[in-house]
C-alpha cells in the first residue's frame, strides 16, 4: 500500500510542475503548444537521467516509484499532446501539427538519451 503513496506523491508533484509551466507560458499566446512540449522534454530528460542512475548504481524501489513512475508520469502528458495535436489538425494548422508530432518524438528521444549520458 505504501507503493501507491509514493506514486501518488510523485504524480502530484509532477502535475503541479506541469501546471506551473503552463501558467508561466500562458502569458505568451503561442499558436504552438510549447508548454506541453517543454514539460515532456524536461520529463524525458529527468527520466533518462534516473534510468541511467538506476542501471549503474541503482535506485530504491521507493525512489523509482516516487520519481520515475510518479513524478515523470505526472509531469509529462501524452493525452494533452494528443489533444493539442488534434486541435492543430482541426484548425487547419497541418504544419504545426506535423511539427508537434515529429518534433516531440525526436526531441524527447534525444532528451532520454542525454539524460542517460548525464547520469554517468
PDB file of N, CA and C in Angstrom:
ATOM      1  N   UNK A   1       0.821  -1.203   0.000  1.00  0.00           N
ATOM      2  CA  UNK A   1       0.000   0.000   0.000  1.00  0.00           C
ATOM      3  C   UNK A   1       0.864   1.265   0.000  1.00  0.00           C
ATOM      4  N   UNK A   2       2.039   1.186   0.593  1.00  0.00           N
ATOM      5  CA  UNK A   2       2.937   2.334   0.629  1.00  0.00           C
ATOM      6  C   UNK A   2       3.419   2.699  -0.782  1.00  0.00           C
ATOM      7  N   UNK A   3       3.509   1.691  -1.668  1.00  0.00           N
ATOM      8  CA  UNK A   3       3.923   1.959  -3.048  1.00  0.00           C
ATOM      9  C   UNK A   3       2.965   2.933  -3.730  1.00  0.00           C
ATOM     10  N   UNK A   4       1.673   2.782  -3.461  1.00  0.00           N
ATOM     11  CA  UNK A   4       0.682   3.691  -4.039  1.00  0.00           C
ATOM     12  C   UNK A   4       0.905   5.118  -3.549  1.00  0.00           C
ATOM     13  N   UNK A   5       1.315   5.249  -2.302  1.00  0.00           N
ATOM     14  CA  UNK A   5       1.592   6.575  -1.748  1.00  0.00           C
ATOM     15  C   UNK A   5       2.720   7.254  -2.505  1.00  0.00           C
ATOM     16  N   UNK A   6       3.814   6.512  -2.781  1.00  0.00           N
ATOM     17  CA  UNK A   6       4.958   7.100  -3.481  1.00  0.00           C
ATOM     18  C   UNK A   6       4.567   7.562  -4.885  1.00  0.00           C
ATOM     19  N   UNK A   7       3.785   6.744  -5.587  1.00  0.00           N
ATOM     20  CA  UNK A   7       3.324   7.125  -6.923  1.00  0.00           C
ATOM     21  C   UNK A   7       2.402   8.344  -6.832  1.00  0.00           C
ATOM     22  N   UNK A   8       1.506   8.334  -5.863  1.00  0.00           N
ATOM     23  CA  UNK A   8       0.575   9.446  -5.649  1.00  0.00           C
ATOM     24  C   UNK A   8       1.324  10.747  -5.363  1.00  0.00           C
ATOM     25  N   UNK A   9       2.295  10.691  -4.474  1.00  0.00           N
ATOM     26  CA  UNK A   9       3.072  11.877  -4.111  1.00  0.00           C
ATOM     27  C   UNK A   9       3.860  12.402  -5.312  1.00  0.00           C
ATOM     28  N   UNK A  10       4.561  11.510  -5.987  1.00  0.00           N
ATOM     29  CA  UNK A  10       5.337  11.919  -7.153  1.00  0.00           C
ATOM     30  C   UNK A  10       4.448  12.461  -8.268  1.00  0.00           C
ATOM     31  N   UNK A  11       3.318  11.807  -8.507  1.00  0.00           N
ATOM     32  CA  UNK A  11       2.392  12.260  -9.546  1.00  0.00           C
ATOM     33  C   UNK A  11       1.840  13.640  -9.241  1.00  0.00           C
ATOM     34  N   UNK A  12       1.540  13.895  -7.986  1.00  0.00           N
ATOM     35  CA  UNK A  12       1.051  15.214  -7.595  1.00  0.00           C
ATOM     36  C   UNK A  12       2.102  16.290  -7.807  1.00  0.00           C
ATOM     37  N   UNK A  13       3.337  15.995  -7.427  1.00  0.00           N
ATOM     38  CA  UNK A  13       4.431  16.949  -7.622  1.00  0.00           C
ATOM     39  C   UNK A  13       4.663  17.219  -9.108  1.00  0.00           C
ATOM     40  N   UNK A  14       4.643  16.162  -9.900  1.00  0.00           N
ATOM     41  CA  UNK A  14       4.834  16.320 -11.342  1.00  0.00           C
ATOM     42  C   UNK A  14       3.715  17.120 -11.976  1.00  0.00           C
ATOM     43  N   UNK A  15       2.485  16.866 -11.559  1.00  0.00           N
ATOM     44  CA  UNK A  15       1.339  17.598 -12.108  1.00  0.00           C
ATOM     45  C   UNK A  15       1.401  19.081 -11.752  1.00  0.00           C
ATOM     46  N   UNK A  16       1.824  19.373 -10.532  1.00  0.00           N
ATOM     47  CA  UNK A  16       1.972  20.772 -10.116  1.00  0.00           C
ATOM     48  C   UNK A  16       3.038  21.463 -10.966  1.00  0.00           C
ATOM     49  N   UNK A  17       4.136  20.785 -11.227  1.00  0.00           N
ATOM     50  CA  UNK A  17       5.190  21.373 -12.060  1.00  0.00           C
ATOM     51  C   UNK A  17       4.688  21.608 -13.486  1.00  0.00           C
ATOM     52  N   UNK A  18       3.961  20.648 -14.037  1.00  0.00           N
ATOM     53  CA  UNK A  18       3.420  20.815 -15.389  1.00  0.00           C
ATOM     54  C   UNK A  18       2.446  21.984 -15.433  1.00  0.00           C
ATOM     55  N   UNK A  19       1.600  22.090 -14.430  1.00  0.00           N
ATOM     56  CA  UNK A  19       0.650  23.198 -14.351  1.00  0.00           C
ATOM     57  C   UNK A  19       1.390  24.537 -14.260  1.00  0.00           C
ATOM     58  N   UNK A  20       2.471  24.557 -13.475  1.00  0.00           N
ATOM     59  CA  UNK A  20       3.271  25.772 -13.343  1.00  0.00           C
ATOM     60  C   UNK A  20       3.866  26.205 -14.674  1.00  0.00           C
ATOM     61  N   UNK A  21       4.380  25.260 -15.443  1.00  0.00           N
ATOM     62  CA  UNK A  21       4.930  25.590 -16.765  1.00  0.00           C
ATOM     63  C   UNK A  21       3.841  26.162 -17.658  1.00  0.00           C
ATOM     64  N   UNK A  22       2.660  25.551 -17.626  1.00  0.00           N
ATOM     65  CA  UNK A  22       1.583  26.042 -18.492  1.00  0.00           C
ATOM     66  C   UNK A  22       1.151  27.453 -18.086  1.00  0.00           C
ATOM     67  N   UNK A  23       1.166  27.758 -16.798  1.00  0.00           N
ATOM     68  CA  UNK A  23       0.792  29.096 -16.334  1.00  0.00           C
ATOM     69  C   UNK A  23       1.849  30.129 -16.704  1.00  0.00           C
ATOM     70  N   UNK A  24       3.105  29.787 -16.550  1.00  0.00           N
ATOM     71  CA  UNK A  24       4.183  30.712 -16.898  1.00  0.00           C
ATOM     72  C   UNK A  24       4.162  31.010 -18.396  1.00  0.00           C
ATOM     73  N   UNK A  25       3.932  29.991 -19.181  1.00  0.00           N
ATOM     74  CA  UNK A  25       3.963  30.175 -20.633  1.00  0.00           C
ATOM     75  C   UNK A  25       2.657  30.722 -21.195  1.00  0.00           C
ATOM     76  N   UNK A  26       1.602  30.752 -20.398  1.00  0.00           N
ATOM     77  CA  UNK A  26       0.304  31.251 -20.877  1.00  0.00           C
ATOM     78  C   UNK A  26       0.350  32.742 -21.188  1.00  0.00           C
ATOM     79  N   UNK A  27       1.302  33.428 -20.605  1.00  0.00           N
ATOM     80  CA  UNK A  27       1.431  34.862 -20.869  1.00  0.00           C
ATOM     81  C   UNK A  27       1.754  35.121 -22.340  1.00  0.00           C
ATOM     82  N   UNK A  28       2.391  34.152 -22.964  1.00  0.00           N
ATOM     83  CA  UNK A  28       2.695  34.236 -24.401  1.00  0.00           C
ATOM     84  C   UNK A  28       1.609  33.482 -25.152  1.00  0.00           C
ATOM     85  N   UNK A  29       1.038  34.091 -26.114  1.00  0.00           N
ATOM     86  CA  UNK A  29      -0.047  33.483 -26.870  1.00  0.00           C
ATOM     87  C   UNK A  29       0.528  32.778 -28.095  1.00  0.00           C
ATOM     88  N   UNK A  30       1.081  31.586 -27.893  1.00  0.00           N
ATOM     89  CA  UNK A  30       1.676  30.820 -28.975  1.00  0.00           C
ATOM     90  C   UNK A  30       0.604  30.055 -29.740  1.00  0.00           C
ATOM     91  N   UNK A  31       0.809  29.889 -31.033  1.00  0.00           N
ATOM     92  CA  UNK A  31      -0.040  29.001 -31.824  1.00  0.00           C
ATOM     93  C   UNK A  31       0.392  27.551 -31.633  1.00  0.00           C
ATOM     94  N   UNK A  32       1.615  27.368 -31.187  1.00  0.00           N
ATOM     95  CA  UNK A  32       2.192  26.035 -30.996  1.00  0.00           C
ATOM     96  C   UNK A  32       2.176  25.690 -29.508  1.00  0.00           C
ATOM     97  N   UNK A  33       1.889  24.430 -29.155  1.00  0.00           N
ATOM     98  CA  UNK A  33       1.806  24.035 -27.730  1.00  0.00           C
ATOM     99  C   UNK A  33       3.182  23.854 -27.069  1.00  0.00           C
ATOM    100  N   UNK A  34       3.896  24.963 -26.899  1.00  0.00           N
ATOM    101  CA  UNK A  34       5.245  24.909 -26.332  1.00  0.00           C
ATOM    102  C   UNK A  34       5.271  24.429 -24.879  1.00  0.00           C
ATOM    103  N   UNK A  35       4.255  24.741 -24.078  1.00  0.00           N
ATOM    104  CA  UNK A  35       4.266  24.344 -22.659  1.00  0.00           C
ATOM    105  C   UNK A  35       4.266  22.825 -22.521  1.00  0.00           C
ATOM    106  N   UNK A  36       3.437  22.153 -23.295  1.00  0.00           N
ATOM    107  CA  UNK A  36       3.396  20.684 -23.239  1.00  0.00           C
ATOM    108  C   UNK A  36       4.704  20.102 -23.747  1.00  0.00           C
ATOM    109  N   UNK A  37       5.214  20.649 -24.834  1.00  0.00           N
ATOM    110  CA  UNK A  37       6.484  20.167 -25.377  1.00  0.00           C
ATOM    111  C   UNK A  37       7.592  20.335 -24.345  1.00  0.00           C
ATOM    112  N   UNK A  38       7.667  21.497 -23.703  1.00  0.00           N
ATOM    113  CA  UNK A  38       8.700  21.749 -22.699  1.00  0.00           C
ATOM    114  C   UNK A  38       8.576  20.785 -21.514  1.00  0.00           C
ATOM    115  N   UNK A  39       7.353  20.581 -21.034  1.00  0.00           N
ATOM    116  CA  UNK A  39       7.148  19.649 -19.921  1.00  0.00           C
ATOM    117  C   UNK A  39       7.577  18.239 -20.311  1.00  0.00           C
ATOM    118  N   UNK A  40       7.246  17.828 -21.526  1.00  0.00           N
ATOM    119  CA  UNK A  40       7.620  16.481 -21.970  1.00  0.00           C
ATOM    120  C   UNK A  40       9.127  16.342 -22.150  1.00  0.00           C
ATOM    121  N   UNK A  41       9.782  17.384 -22.661  1.00  0.00           N
ATOM    122  CA  UNK A  41      11.238  17.328 -22.820  1.00  0.00           C
ATOM    123  C   UNK A  41      11.923  17.241 -21.454  1.00  0.00           C
ATOM    124  N   UNK A  42      11.516  18.090 -20.529  1.00  0.00           N
ATOM    125  CA  UNK A  42      12.117  18.074 -19.190  1.00  0.00           C
ATOM    126  C   UNK A  42      11.871  16.732 -18.513  1.00  0.00           C
ATOM    127  N   UNK A  43      10.662  16.223 -18.634  1.00  0.00           N
ATOM    128  CA  UNK A  43      10.335  14.940 -18.028  1.00  0.00           C
ATOM    129  C   UNK A  43      11.181  13.818 -18.620  1.00  0.00           C
ATOM    130  N   UNK A  44      11.367  13.830 -19.941  1.00  0.00           N
ATOM    131  CA  UNK A  44      12.193  12.810 -20.585  1.00  0.00           C
ATOM    132  C   UNK A  44      13.649  12.921 -20.151  1.00  0.00           C
ATOM    133  N   UNK A  45      14.133  14.134 -20.013  1.00  0.00           N
ATOM    134  CA  UNK A  45      15.499  14.345 -19.542  1.00  0.00           C
ATOM    135  C   UNK A  45      15.675  13.779 -18.131  1.00  0.00           C
ATOM    136  N   UNK A  46      14.736  14.078 -17.256  1.00  0.00           N
ATOM    137  CA  UNK A  46      14.784  13.569 -15.877  1.00  0.00           C
ATOM    138  C   UNK A  46      14.665  12.048 -15.868  1.00  0.00           C
ATOM    139  N   UNK A  47      13.730  11.519 -16.651  1.00  0.00           N
ATOM    140  CA  UNK A  47      13.525  10.066 -16.685  1.00  0.00           C
ATOM    141  C   UNK A  47      14.759   9.361 -17.222  1.00  0.00           C
ATOM    142  N   UNK A  48      15.365   9.906 -18.274  1.00  0.00           N
ATOM    143  CA  UNK A  48      16.585   9.309 -18.800  1.00  0.00           C
ATOM    144  C   UNK A  48      17.706   9.328 -17.777  1.00  0.00           C
ATOM    145  N   UNK A  49      17.836  10.442 -17.073  1.00  0.00           N
ATOM    146  CA  UNK A  49      18.859  10.558 -16.026  1.00  0.00           C
ATOM    147  C   UNK A  49      18.621   9.513 -14.930  1.00  0.00           C
ATOM    148  N   UNK A  50      17.396   9.413 -14.458  1.00  0.00           N
ATOM    149  CA  UNK A  50      17.090   8.454 -13.397  1.00  0.00           C
ATOM    150  C   UNK A  50      17.267   7.018 -13.872  1.00  0.00           C
ATOM    151  N   UNK A  51      16.916   6.746 -15.123  1.00  0.00           N
ATOM    152  CA  UNK A  51      17.105   5.415 -15.693  1.00  0.00           C
ATOM    153  C   UNK A  51      18.585   5.058 -15.719  1.00  0.00           C
ATOM    154  N   UNK A  52      19.420   6.028 -16.136  1.00  0.00           N
ATOM    155  CA  UNK A  52      20.860   5.799 -16.139  1.00  0.00           C
ATOM    156  C   UNK A  52      21.402   5.543 -14.749  1.00  0.00           C
ATOM    157  N   UNK A  53      20.934   6.301 -13.775  1.00  0.00           N
ATOM    158  CA  UNK A  53      21.335   6.092 -12.375  1.00  0.00           C
ATOM    159  C   UNK A  53      20.897   4.695 -11.909  1.00  0.00           C
ATOM    160  N   UNK A  54      19.667   4.337 -12.242  1.00  0.00           N
ATOM    161  CA  UNK A  54      19.139   3.032 -11.822  1.00  0.00           C
ATOM    162  C   UNK A  54      19.956   1.886 -12.420  1.00  0.00           C
ATOM    163  N   UNK A  55      20.399   2.043 -13.659  1.00  0.00           N
ATOM    164  CA  UNK A  55      21.194   0.997 -14.301  1.00  0.00           C
ATOM    165  C   UNK A  55      22.582   0.875 -13.696  1.00  0.00           C
ATOM    166  N   UNK A  56      23.177   2.000 -13.322  1.00  0.00           N
ATOM    167  CA  UNK A  56      24.564   1.998 -12.869  1.00  0.00           C
ATOM    168  C   UNK A  56      24.707   1.725 -11.373  1.00  0.00           C
ATOM    169  N   UNK A  57      24.024   2.501 -10.582  1.00  0.00           N
ATOM    170  CA  UNK A  57      24.218   2.376  -9.139  1.00  0.00           C
ATOM    171  C   UNK A  57      22.958   1.942  -8.423  1.00  0.00           C
ATOM    172  N   UNK A  58      21.866   1.958  -9.124  1.00  0.00           N
ATOM    173  CA  UNK A  58      20.612   1.518  -8.527  1.00  0.00           C
ATOM    174  C   UNK A  58      19.883   2.634  -7.816  1.00  0.00           C
ATOM    175  N   UNK A  59      18.597   2.513  -7.809  1.00  0.00           N
ATOM    176  CA  UNK A  59      17.698   3.376  -7.049  1.00  0.00           C
ATOM    177  C   UNK A  59      16.806   2.473  -6.230  1.00  0.00           C
ATOM    178  N   UNK A  60      16.421   2.934  -5.080  1.00  0.00           N
ATOM    179  CA  UNK A  60      15.496   2.135  -4.277  1.00  0.00           C
ATOM    180  C   UNK A  60      14.163   2.023  -5.009  1.00  0.00           C
ATOM    181  N   UNK A  61      13.409   1.010  -4.679  1.00  0.00           N
ATOM    182  CA  UNK A  61      12.085   0.854  -5.282  1.00  0.00           C
ATOM    183  C   UNK A  61      11.211   2.067  -4.996  1.00  0.00           C
ATOM    184  N   UNK A  62      11.333   2.626  -3.795  1.00  0.00           N
ATOM    185  CA  UNK A  62      10.547   3.795  -3.434  1.00  0.00           C
ATOM    186  C   UNK A  62      10.932   4.998  -4.294  1.00  0.00           C
ATOM    187  N   UNK A  63      12.231   5.181  -4.532  1.00  0.00           N
ATOM    188  CA  UNK A  63      12.692   6.294  -5.371  1.00  0.00           C
ATOM    189  C   UNK A  63      12.204   6.136  -6.804  1.00  0.00           C
ATOM    190  N   UNK A  64      12.238   4.918  -7.321  1.00  0.00           N
ATOM    191  CA  UNK A  64      11.733   4.667  -8.677  1.00  0.00           C
ATOM    192  C   UNK A  64      10.242   4.997  -8.759  1.00  0.00           C
ATOM    193  N   UNK A  65       9.483   4.568  -7.765  1.00  0.00           N
ATOM    194  CA  UNK A  65       8.040   4.832  -7.772  1.00  0.00           C
ATOM    195  C   UNK A  65       7.749   6.323  -7.634  1.00  0.00           C
ATOM    196  N   UNK A  66       8.474   6.987  -6.734  1.00  0.00           N
ATOM    197  CA  UNK A  66       8.263   8.412  -6.500  1.00  0.00           C
ATOM    198  C   UNK A  66       8.635   9.246  -7.722  1.00  0.00           C
ATOM    199  N   UNK A  67       9.848   9.066  -8.237  1.00  0.00           N
ATOM    200  CA  UNK A  67      10.372   9.952  -9.269  1.00  0.00           C
ATOM    201  C   UNK A  67      10.104   9.470 -10.689  1.00  0.00           C
ATOM    202  N   UNK A  68      10.360   8.200 -10.962  1.00  0.00           N
ATOM    203  CA  UNK A  68      10.216   7.715 -12.338  1.00  0.00           C
ATOM    204  C   UNK A  68       8.746   7.499 -12.707  1.00  0.00           C
ATOM    205  N   UNK A  69       8.042   6.749 -11.887  1.00  0.00           N
ATOM    206  CA  UNK A  69       6.639   6.457 -12.185  1.00  0.00           C
ATOM    207  C   UNK A  69       5.745   7.643 -11.837  1.00  0.00           C
ATOM    208  N   UNK A  70       5.883   8.162 -10.629  1.00  0.00           N
ATOM    209  CA  UNK A  70       5.001   9.224 -10.162  1.00  0.00           C
ATOM    210  C   UNK A  70       5.306  10.580 -10.767  1.00  0.00           C
ATOM    211  N   UNK A  71       6.483  11.124 -10.455  1.00  0.00           N
ATOM    212  CA  UNK A  71       6.801  12.483 -10.901  1.00  0.00           C
ATOM    213  C   UNK A  71       6.817  12.597 -12.419  1.00  0.00           C
ATOM    214  N   UNK A  72       7.605  11.745 -13.087  1.00  0.00           N
ATOM    215  CA  UNK A  72       7.697  11.844 -14.550  1.00  0.00           C
ATOM    216  C   UNK A  72       6.362  11.509 -15.210  1.00  0.00           C
ATOM    217  N   UNK A  73       5.604  10.590 -14.647  1.00  0.00           N
ATOM    218  CA  UNK A  73       4.285  10.275 -15.183  1.00  0.00           C
ATOM    219  C   UNK A  73       3.310  11.431 -15.032  1.00  0.00           C
ATOM    220  N   UNK A  74       3.387  12.148 -13.921  1.00  0.00           N
ATOM    221  CA  UNK A  74       2.511  13.292 -13.702  1.00  0.00           C
ATOM    222  C   UNK A  74       2.967  14.546 -14.429  1.00  0.00           C
ATOM    223  N   UNK A  75       4.266  14.632 -14.692  1.00  0.00           N
ATOM    224  CA  UNK A  75       4.831  15.822 -15.316  1.00  0.00           C
ATOM    225  C   UNK A  75       4.644  15.817 -16.833  1.00  0.00           C
ATOM    226  N   UNK A  76       4.845  14.668 -17.448  1.00  0.00           N
ATOM    227  CA  UNK A  76       4.649  14.579 -18.897  1.00  0.00           C
ATOM    228  C   UNK A  76       3.220  14.134 -19.170  1.00  0.00           C
ATOM    229  N   UNK A  77       2.780  14.353 -20.386  1.00  0.00           N
ATOM    230  CA  UNK A  77       1.397  14.008 -20.669  1.00  0.00           C
ATOM    231  C   UNK A  77       1.186  13.705 -22.144  1.00  0.00           C
ATOM    232  N   UNK A  78       0.903  12.466 -22.429  1.00  0.00           N
ATOM    233  CA  UNK A  78       0.623  12.067 -23.801  1.00  0.00           C
ATOM    234  C   UNK A  78      -0.780  12.494 -24.218  1.00  0.00           C
ATOM    235  N   UNK A  79      -1.698  12.487 -23.289  1.00  0.00           N
ATOM    236  CA  UNK A  79      -3.075  12.855 -23.635  1.00  0.00           C
ATOM    237  C   UNK A  79      -3.173  14.329 -24.037  1.00  0.00           C
ATOM    238  N   UNK A  80      -2.490  15.213 -23.322  1.00  0.00           N
ATOM    239  CA  UNK A  80      -2.514  16.624 -23.691  1.00  0.00           C
ATOM    240  C   UNK A  80      -1.826  16.839 -25.034  1.00  0.00           C
ATOM    241  N   UNK A  81      -0.706  16.194 -25.232  1.00  0.00           N
ATOM    242  CA  UNK A  81      -0.007  16.256 -26.515  1.00  0.00           C
ATOM    243  C   UNK A  81      -0.942  15.821 -27.644  1.00  0.00           C
ATOM    244  N   UNK A  82      -1.658  14.730 -27.445  1.00  0.00           N
ATOM    245  CA  UNK A  82      -2.560  14.218 -28.481  1.00  0.00           C
ATOM    246  C   UNK A  82      -3.710  15.185 -28.755  1.00  0.00           C
ATOM    247  N   UNK A  83      -4.294  15.727 -27.711  1.00  0.00           N
ATOM    248  CA  UNK A  83      -5.395  16.682 -27.885  1.00  0.00           C
ATOM    249  C   UNK A  83      -4.917  17.937 -28.607  1.00  0.00           C
ATOM    250  N   UNK A  84      -3.787  18.471 -28.186  1.00  0.00           N
ATOM    251  CA  UNK A  84      -3.271  19.686 -28.819  1.00  0.00           C
ATOM    252  C   UNK A  84      -2.942  19.440 -30.296  1.00  0.00           C
ATOM    253  N   UNK A  85      -2.426  18.268 -30.593  1.00  0.00           N
ATOM    254  CA  UNK A  85      -2.141  17.928 -31.987  1.00  0.00           C
ATOM    255  C   UNK A  85      -3.439  17.814 -32.779  1.00  0.00           C
ATOM    256  N   UNK A  86      -4.446  17.201 -32.193  1.00  0.00           N
ATOM    257  CA  UNK A  86      -5.757  17.088 -32.840  1.00  0.00           C
ATOM    258  C   UNK A  86      -6.336  18.478 -33.134  1.00  0.00           C
ATOM    259  N   UNK A  87      -6.254  19.367 -32.153  1.00  0.00           N
ATOM    260  CA  UNK A  87      -6.769  20.726 -32.332  1.00  0.00           C
ATOM    261  C   UNK A  87      -6.013  21.451 -33.447  1.00  0.00           C
ATOM    262  N   UNK A  88      -4.714  21.241 -33.534  1.00  0.00           N
ATOM    263  CA  UNK A  88      -3.941  21.849 -34.626  1.00  0.00           C
ATOM    264  C   UNK A  88      -4.429  21.337 -35.983  1.00  0.00           C
ATOM    265  N   UNK A  89      -4.649  20.036 -36.085  1.00  0.00           N
ATOM    266  CA  UNK A  89      -5.194  19.482 -37.326  1.00  0.00           C
ATOM    267  C   UNK A  89      -6.576  20.071 -37.628  1.00  0.00           C
ATOM    268  N   UNK A  90      -7.430  20.130 -36.615  1.00  0.00           N
ATOM    269  CA  UNK A  90      -8.792  20.634 -36.789  1.00  0.00           C
ATOM    270  C   UNK A  90      -8.828  22.100 -37.213  1.00  0.00           C
ATOM    271  N   UNK A  91      -7.843  22.867 -36.768  1.00  0.00           N
ATOM    272  CA  UNK A  91      -7.807  24.287 -37.125  1.00  0.00           C
ATOM    273  C   UNK A  91      -6.955  24.528 -38.377  1.00  0.00           C
ATOM    274  N   UNK A  92      -6.730  23.470 -39.128  1.00  0.00           N
ATOM    275  CA  UNK A  92      -6.004  23.515 -40.406  1.00  0.00           C
ATOM    276  C   UNK A  92      -4.562  23.993 -40.266  1.00  0.00           C
ATOM    277  N   UNK A  93      -3.980  23.803 -39.109  1.00  0.00           N
ATOM    278  CA  UNK A  93      -2.565  24.128 -38.907  1.00  0.00           C
ATOM    279  C   UNK A  93      -1.760  22.836 -39.047  1.00  0.00           C
ATOM    280  N   UNK A  94      -1.818  22.279 -40.247  1.00  0.00           N
ATOM    281  CA  UNK A  94      -1.227  20.977 -40.523  1.00  0.00           C
ATOM    282  C   UNK A  94       0.281  20.989 -40.268  1.00  0.00           C
ATOM    283  N   UNK A  95       0.946  22.044 -40.694  1.00  0.00           N
ATOM    284  CA  UNK A  95       2.391  22.141 -40.480  1.00  0.00           C
ATOM    285  C   UNK A  95       2.764  22.090 -39.013  1.00  0.00           C
ATOM    286  N   UNK A  96       2.036  22.850 -38.187  1.00  0.00           N
ATOM    287  CA  UNK A  96       2.296  22.827 -36.744  1.00  0.00           C
ATOM    288  C   UNK A  96       1.979  21.451 -36.151  1.00  0.00           C
ATOM    289  N   UNK A  97       0.916  20.828 -36.621  1.00  0.00           N
ATOM    290  CA  UNK A  97       0.548  19.505 -36.110  1.00  0.00           C
ATOM    291  C   UNK A  97       1.647  18.490 -36.417  1.00  0.00           C
ATOM    292  N   UNK A  98       2.122  18.489 -37.639  1.00  0.00           N
ATOM    293  CA  UNK A  98       3.187  17.554 -38.016  1.00  0.00           C
ATOM    294  C   UNK A  98       4.494  17.885 -37.304  1.00  0.00           C
ATOM    295  N   UNK A  99       4.773  19.171 -37.149  1.00  0.00           N
ATOM    296  CA  UNK A  99       5.952  19.586 -36.391  1.00  0.00           C
ATOM    297  C   UNK A  99       5.844  19.116 -34.940  1.00  0.00           C
ATOM    298  N   UNK A 100       4.663  19.227 -34.358  1.00  0.00           N
ATOM    299  CA  UNK A 100       4.458  18.788 -32.980  1.00  0.00           C
ATOM    300  C   UNK A 100       4.713  17.285 -32.854  1.00  0.00           C
ATOM    301  N   UNK A 101       4.222  16.511 -33.792  1.00  0.00           N
ATOM    302  CA  UNK A 101       4.401  15.057 -33.740  1.00  0.00           C
ATOM    303  C   UNK A 101       5.870  14.693 -33.893  1.00  0.00           C
ATOM    304  N   UNK A 102       6.491  15.151 -34.973  1.00  0.00           N
ATOM    305  CA  UNK A 102       7.877  14.760 -35.234  1.00  0.00           C
ATOM    306  C   UNK A 102       8.855  15.416 -34.266  1.00  0.00           C
ATOM    307  N   UNK A 103       8.607  16.685 -33.958  1.00  0.00           N
ATOM    308  CA  UNK A 103       9.484  17.384 -33.029  1.00  0.00           C
ATOM    309  C   UNK A 103       9.425  16.802 -31.628  1.00  0.00           C
ATOM    310  N   UNK A 104       8.224  16.537 -31.158  1.00  0.00           N
ATOM    311  CA  UNK A 104       8.071  15.975 -29.808  1.00  0.00           C
ATOM    312  C   UNK A 104       8.751  14.618 -29.705  1.00  0.00           C
ATOM    313  N   UNK A 105       8.494  13.768 -30.672  1.00  0.00           N
ATOM    314  CA  UNK A 105       9.097  12.436 -30.621  1.00  0.00           C
ATOM    315  C   UNK A 105      10.610  12.518 -30.713  1.00  0.00           C
ATOM    316  N   UNK A 106      11.110  13.263 -31.682  1.00  0.00           N
ATOM    317  CA  UNK A 106      12.556  13.354 -31.856  1.00  0.00           C
ATOM    318  C   UNK A 106      13.266  14.007 -30.686  1.00  0.00           C
ATOM    319  N   UNK A 107      12.745  15.130 -30.239  1.00  0.00           N
ATOM    320  CA  UNK A 107      13.395  15.862 -29.143  1.00  0.00           C
ATOM    321  C   UNK A 107      13.307  15.078 -27.839  1.00  0.00           C
ATOM    322  N   UNK A 108      12.175  14.446 -27.592  1.00  0.00           N
ATOM    323  CA  UNK A 108      12.030  13.682 -26.341  1.00  0.00           C
ATOM    324  C   UNK A 108      12.914  12.440 -26.332  1.00  0.00           C
ATOM    325  N   UNK A 109      13.071  11.780 -27.475  1.00  0.00           N
ATOM    326  CA  UNK A 109      14.021  10.662 -27.548  1.00  0.00           C
ATOM    327  C   UNK A 109      15.443  11.145 -27.293  1.00  0.00           C
ATOM    328  N   UNK A 110      15.784  12.286 -27.861  1.00  0.00           N
ATOM    329  CA  UNK A 110      17.099  12.882 -27.626  1.00  0.00           C
ATOM    330  C   UNK A 110      17.270  13.244 -26.143  1.00  0.00           C
ATOM    331  N   UNK A 111      16.220  13.759 -25.518  1.00  0.00           N
ATOM    332  CA  UNK A 111      16.290  14.110 -24.087  1.00  0.00           C
ATOM    333  C   UNK A 111      16.517  12.866 -23.222  1.00  0.00           C
ATOM    334  N   UNK A 112      15.861  11.756 -23.561  1.00  0.00           N
ATOM    335  CA  UNK A 112      16.112  10.495 -22.835  1.00  0.00           C
ATOM    336  C   UNK A 112      17.586  10.116 -22.957  1.00  0.00           C
ATOM    337  N   UNK A 113      18.107  10.162 -24.181  1.00  0.00           N
ATOM    338  CA  UNK A 113      19.500   9.826 -24.445  1.00  0.00           C
ATOM    339  C   UNK A 113      20.440  10.740 -23.646  1.00  0.00           C
ATOM    340  N   UNK A 114      20.196  12.042 -23.684  1.00  0.00           N
ATOM    341  CA  UNK A 114      21.044  12.997 -22.958  1.00  0.00           C
ATOM    342  C   UNK A 114      20.957  12.746 -21.448  1.00  0.00           C
ATOM    343  N   UNK A 115      19.752  12.492 -20.947  1.00  0.00           N
ATOM    344  CA  UNK A 115      19.605  12.187 -19.527  1.00  0.00           C
ATOM    345  C   UNK A 115      20.415  10.976 -19.099  1.00  0.00           C
ATOM    346  N   UNK A 116      20.393   9.927 -19.924  1.00  0.00           N
ATOM    347  CA  UNK A 116      21.179   8.727 -19.608  1.00  0.00           C
ATOM    348  C   UNK A 116      22.666   9.058 -19.618  1.00  0.00           C
ATOM    349  N   UNK A 117      23.090   9.826 -20.608  1.00  0.00           N
ATOM    350  CA  UNK A 117      24.505  10.187 -20.699  1.00  0.00           C
ATOM    351  C   UNK A 117      24.950  11.059 -19.532  1.00  0.00           C
ATOM    352  N   UNK A 118      24.091  11.980 -19.111  1.00  0.00           N
ATOM    353  CA  UNK A 118      24.415  12.859 -17.980  1.00  0.00           C
ATOM    354  C   UNK A 118      24.579  12.053 -16.692  1.00  0.00           C
ATOM    355  N   UNK A 119      23.844  10.955 -16.578  1.00  0.00           N
ATOM    356  CA  UNK A 119      23.891  10.162 -15.349  1.00  0.00           C
ATOM    357  C   UNK A 119      25.240   9.491 -15.144  1.00  0.00           C
ATOM    358  N   UNK A 120      26.075   9.512 -16.140  1.00  0.00           N
ATOM    359  CA  UNK A 120      27.426   8.971 -15.981  1.00  0.00           C
ATOM    360  C   UNK A 120      27.555   7.702 -16.715  1.00  0.00           C
TER     361      UNK A 120
END
